Amino acid sequence: MVFTDPQLVVVGDGSTHTRAETHAFGEVDWGRQGRARVLGKNVGLTRVWATRADGVLRAAEMAGPGAEHMGHLLAWAVQQGLSVERALEMPFYHPVLEEGLRTALQGLRAALRGG
């Protein structure tokens, strides 16, 4: 984690060790995320990766609002071997920044399904 503005986080190996053949990713552009816009902190991008073979979360890179908190949660998820499906079963309340993380996870799920 780097406590800059916007905050920066790398979880796992980030994009360094991911390949399109073996990994899929989902992302959220914080410029369009509702809660970030209300806060006036709507800048940045978050990407999350999972292995195609098993749908397990492996890495994330984030630049944006609340990255310190979401990075912490994603580090736990990666360490525990949580799948994208299981992560999406967790509660996402409204209106919070974490809804942006849900958007990235939903995109990742679609990418894993080939869509």
C-alpha atoms as a PDB file:
ATOM      1  CA  MET A   1       0.000   0.000   0.000  1.00  0.00           C
ATOM      2  CA  VAL A   2       1.091   3.502  -0.758  1.00  0.00           C
ATOM      3  CA  PHE A   3      -0.790   6.259   1.036  1.00  0.00           C
ATOM      4  CA  THR A   4      -0.896   8.776  -1.777  1.00  0.00           C
ATOM      5  CA  ASP A   5      -3.861  10.508  -3.364  1.00  0.00           C
ATOM      6  CA  PRO A   6      -5.228   8.402  -4.929  1.00  0.00           C
ATOM      7  CA  GLN A   7      -4.089   5.482  -2.796  1.00  0.00           C
ATOM      8  CA  LEU A   8      -2.159   2.662  -4.493  1.00  0.00           C
ATOM      9  CA  VAL A   9      -2.313  -1.054  -3.677  1.00  0.00           C
ATOM     10  CA  VAL A  10      -0.833  -4.207  -5.186  1.00  0.00           C
ATOM     11  CA  VAL A  11      -2.113  -7.559  -3.908  1.00  0.00           C
ATOM     12  CA  GLY A  12      -0.398 -10.824  -4.781  1.00  0.00           C
ATOM     13  CA  ASP A  13       1.875 -10.549  -7.788  1.00  0.00           C
ATOM     14  CA  GLY A  14      -0.335  -7.958  -9.441  1.00  0.00           C
ATOM     15  CA  SER A  15      -0.162  -7.986 -13.210  1.00  0.00           C
ATOM     16  CA  THR A  16       3.509  -9.019 -13.173  1.00  0.00           C
ATOM     17  CA  HIS A  17       2.798 -12.755 -13.247  1.00  0.00           C
ATOM     18  CA  THR A  18      -0.539 -12.906 -15.020  1.00  0.00           C
ATOM     19  CA  ARG A  19      -0.990 -14.022 -18.629  1.00  0.00           C
ATOM     20  CA  ALA A  20      -4.125 -13.875 -20.754  1.00  0.00           C
ATOM     21  CA  GLU A  21      -3.864 -17.631 -21.397  1.00  0.00           C
ATOM     22  CA  THR A  22      -4.043 -18.492 -17.709  1.00  0.00           C
ATOM     23  CA  HIS A  23      -5.698 -15.489 -16.050  1.00  0.00           C
ATOM     24  CA  ALA A  24      -8.767 -13.318 -16.561  1.00  0.00           C
ATOM     25  CA  PHE A  25      -9.355  -9.865 -15.124  1.00  0.00           C
ATOM     26  CA  GLY A  26     -12.164  -7.501 -14.269  1.00  0.00           C
ATOM     27  CA  GLU A  27     -11.896  -3.806 -13.603  1.00  0.00           C
ATOM     28  CA  VAL A  28     -13.662  -0.698 -12.399  1.00  0.00           C
ATOM     29  CA  ASP A  29     -12.995   2.853 -13.511  1.00  0.00           C
ATOM     30  CA  TRP A  30     -13.474   5.000 -10.419  1.00  0.00           C
ATOM     31  CA  GLY A  31     -14.342   7.999 -12.576  1.00  0.00           C
ATOM     32  CA  ARG A  32     -17.816   6.566 -13.072  1.00  0.00           C
ATOM     33  CA  GLN A  33     -18.465   4.970  -9.665  1.00  0.00           C
ATOM     34  CA  GLY A  34     -21.340   6.605  -7.782  1.00  0.00           C
ATOM     35  CA  ARG A  35     -19.985   6.848  -4.228  1.00  0.00           C
ATOM     36  CA  ALA A  36     -16.580   8.023  -5.478  1.00  0.00           C
ATOM     37  CA  ARG A  37     -18.314  10.765  -7.467  1.00  0.00           C
ATOM     38  CA  VAL A  38     -20.276  11.921  -4.407  1.00  0.00           C
ATOM     39  CA  LEU A  39     -17.038  12.084  -2.401  1.00  0.00           C
ATOM     40  CA  GLY A  40     -15.241  13.976  -5.167  1.00  0.00           C
ATOM     41  CA  LYS A  41     -12.631  11.178  -5.261  1.00  0.00           C
ATOM     42  CA  ASN A  42     -13.649   9.648  -8.586  1.00  0.00           C
ATOM     43  CA  VAL A  43     -10.239   8.981 -10.064  1.00  0.00           C
ATOM     44  CA  GLY A  44      -8.331   5.760 -10.600  1.00  0.00           C
ATOM     45  CA  LEU A  45      -8.713   2.183 -11.791  1.00  0.00           C
ATOM     46  CA  THR A  46      -8.887  -1.203 -10.075  1.00  0.00           C
ATOM     47  CA  ARG A  47      -8.172  -4.568 -11.687  1.00  0.00           C
ATOM     48  CA  VAL A  48      -8.617  -7.981 -10.123  1.00  0.00           C
ATOM     49  CA  TRP A  49      -7.263 -11.257 -11.568  1.00  0.00           C
ATOM     50  CA  ALA A  50      -8.217 -14.896 -11.148  1.00  0.00           C
ATOM     51  CA  THR A  51      -6.872 -18.075 -12.662  1.00  0.00           C
ATOM     52  CA  ARG A  52      -9.041 -19.346 -15.499  1.00  0.00           C
ATOM     53  CA  ALA A  53      -8.723 -22.990 -14.435  1.00  0.00           C
ATOM     54  CA  ASP A  54     -10.361 -22.573 -11.015  1.00  0.00           C
ATOM     55  CA  GLY A  55     -11.731 -19.006 -10.740  1.00  0.00           C
ATOM     56  CA  VAL A  56      -9.616 -18.294  -7.648  1.00  0.00           C
ATOM     57  CA  LEU A  57      -8.602 -14.703  -6.937  1.00  0.00           C
ATOM     58  CA  ARG A  58      -4.852 -14.305  -7.405  1.00  0.00           C
ATOM     59  CA  ALA A  59      -3.991 -10.615  -7.674  1.00  0.00           C
ATOM     60  CA  ALA A  60      -5.220  -7.033  -7.702  1.00  0.00           C
ATOM     61  CA  GLU A  61      -3.880  -3.598  -8.544  1.00  0.00           C
ATOM     62  CA  MET A  62      -5.689  -0.509  -7.367  1.00  0.00           C
ATOM     63  CA  ALA A  63      -5.356   3.227  -7.671  1.00  0.00           C
ATOM     64  CA  GLY A  64      -8.337   4.998  -6.222  1.00  0.00           C
ATOM     65  CA  PRO A  65     -10.431   5.958  -3.226  1.00  0.00           C
ATOM     66  CA  GLY A  66     -10.550   3.577  -0.292  1.00  0.00           C
ATOM     67  CA  ALA A  67      -7.839   1.374  -1.789  1.00  0.00           C
ATOM     68  CA  GLU A  68      -6.298   0.773   1.636  1.00  0.00           C
ATOM     69  CA  HIS A  69      -9.503  -0.886   2.858  1.00  0.00           C
ATOM     70  CA  MET A  70     -10.333  -2.861  -0.284  1.00  0.00           C
ATOM     71  CA  GLY A  71      -6.707  -3.903  -0.656  1.00  0.00           C
ATOM     72  CA  HIS A  72      -6.804  -5.289   2.863  1.00  0.00           C
ATOM     73  CA  LEU A  73      -9.929  -7.319   2.063  1.00  0.00           C
ATOM     74  CA  LEU A  74      -8.485  -8.553  -1.231  1.00  0.00           C
ATOM     75  CA  ALA A  75      -5.244  -9.594   0.465  1.00  0.00           C
ATOM     76  CA  TRP A  76      -7.307 -11.768   2.819  1.00  0.00           C
ATOM     77  CA  ALA A  77      -9.280 -13.185  -0.112  1.00  0.00           C
ATOM     78  CA  VAL A  78      -6.134 -14.057  -2.077  1.00  0.00           C
ATOM     79  CA  GLN A  79      -4.456 -15.582   0.980  1.00  0.00           C
ATOM     80  CA  GLN A  80      -7.527 -17.723   1.701  1.00  0.00           C
ATOM     81  CA  GLY A  81      -7.850 -18.904  -1.914  1.00  0.00           C
ATOM     82  CA  LEU A  82     -11.308 -17.371  -2.282  1.00  0.00           C
ATOM     83  CA  SER A  83     -13.045 -17.854  -5.615  1.00  0.00           C
ATOM     84  CA  VAL A  84     -14.670 -15.000  -7.511  1.00  0.00           C
ATOM     85  CA  GLU A  85     -18.053 -16.655  -7.014  1.00  0.00           C
ATOM     86  CA  ARG A  86     -17.556 -16.850  -3.249  1.00  0.00           C
ATOM     87  CA  ALA A  87     -16.374 -13.230  -3.087  1.00  0.00           C
ATOM     88  CA  LEU A  88     -19.526 -12.123  -4.887  1.00  0.00           C
ATOM     89  CA  GLU A  89     -21.650 -13.956  -2.310  1.00  0.00           C
ATOM     90  CA  MET A  90     -20.352 -11.580   0.369  1.00  0.00           C
ATOM     91  CA  PRO A  91     -22.478  -8.529   1.215  1.00  0.00           C
ATOM     92  CA  PHE A  92     -21.894  -5.282  -0.658  1.00  0.00           C
ATOM     93  CA  TYR A  93     -23.819  -2.453   0.936  1.00  0.00           C
ATOM     94  CA  HIS A  94     -25.156   0.704  -0.714  1.00  0.00           C
ATOM     95  CA  PRO A  95     -23.888   3.378  -1.032  1.00  0.00           C
ATOM     96  CA  VAL A  96     -20.227   2.457  -0.403  1.00  0.00           C
ATOM     97  CA  LEU A  97     -17.003   2.450  -2.399  1.00  0.00           C
ATOM     98  CA  GLU A  98     -16.876  -1.346  -2.164  1.00  0.00           C
ATOM     99  CA  GLU A  99     -19.655  -1.452  -4.748  1.00  0.00           C
ATOM    100  CA  GLY A 100     -16.918  -0.557  -7.216  1.00  0.00           C
ATOM    101  CA  LEU A 101     -15.004  -3.652  -6.141  1.00  0.00           C
ATOM    102  CA  ARG A 102     -18.174  -5.667  -6.791  1.00  0.00           C
ATOM    103  CA  THR A 103     -18.280  -4.184 -10.301  1.00  0.00           C
ATOM    104  CA  ALA A 104     -14.704  -5.352 -10.935  1.00  0.00           C
ATOM    105  CA  LEU A 105     -15.505  -8.828  -9.560  1.00  0.00           C
ATOM    106  CA  GLN A 106     -18.619  -9.069 -11.736  1.00  0.00           C
ATOM    107  CA  GLY A 107     -16.504  -8.176 -14.775  1.00  0.00           C
ATOM    108  CA  LEU A 108     -13.995 -10.827 -13.755  1.00  0.00           C
ATOM    109  CA  ARG A 109     -16.755 -13.420 -13.433  1.00  0.00           C
ATOM    110  CA  ALA A 110     -17.974 -12.538 -16.946  1.00  0.00           C
ATOM    111  CA  ALA A 111     -14.418 -12.807 -18.309  1.00  0.00           C
ATOM    112  CA  LEU A 112     -14.004 -16.231 -16.691  1.00  0.00           C
ATOM    113  CA  ARG A 113     -17.218 -17.357 -18.368  1.00  0.00           C
ATOM    114  CA  GLY A 114     -15.907 -16.161 -21.717  1.00  0.00           C
ATOM    115  CA  GLY A 115     -18.086 -13.063 -21.967  1.00  0.00           C
END
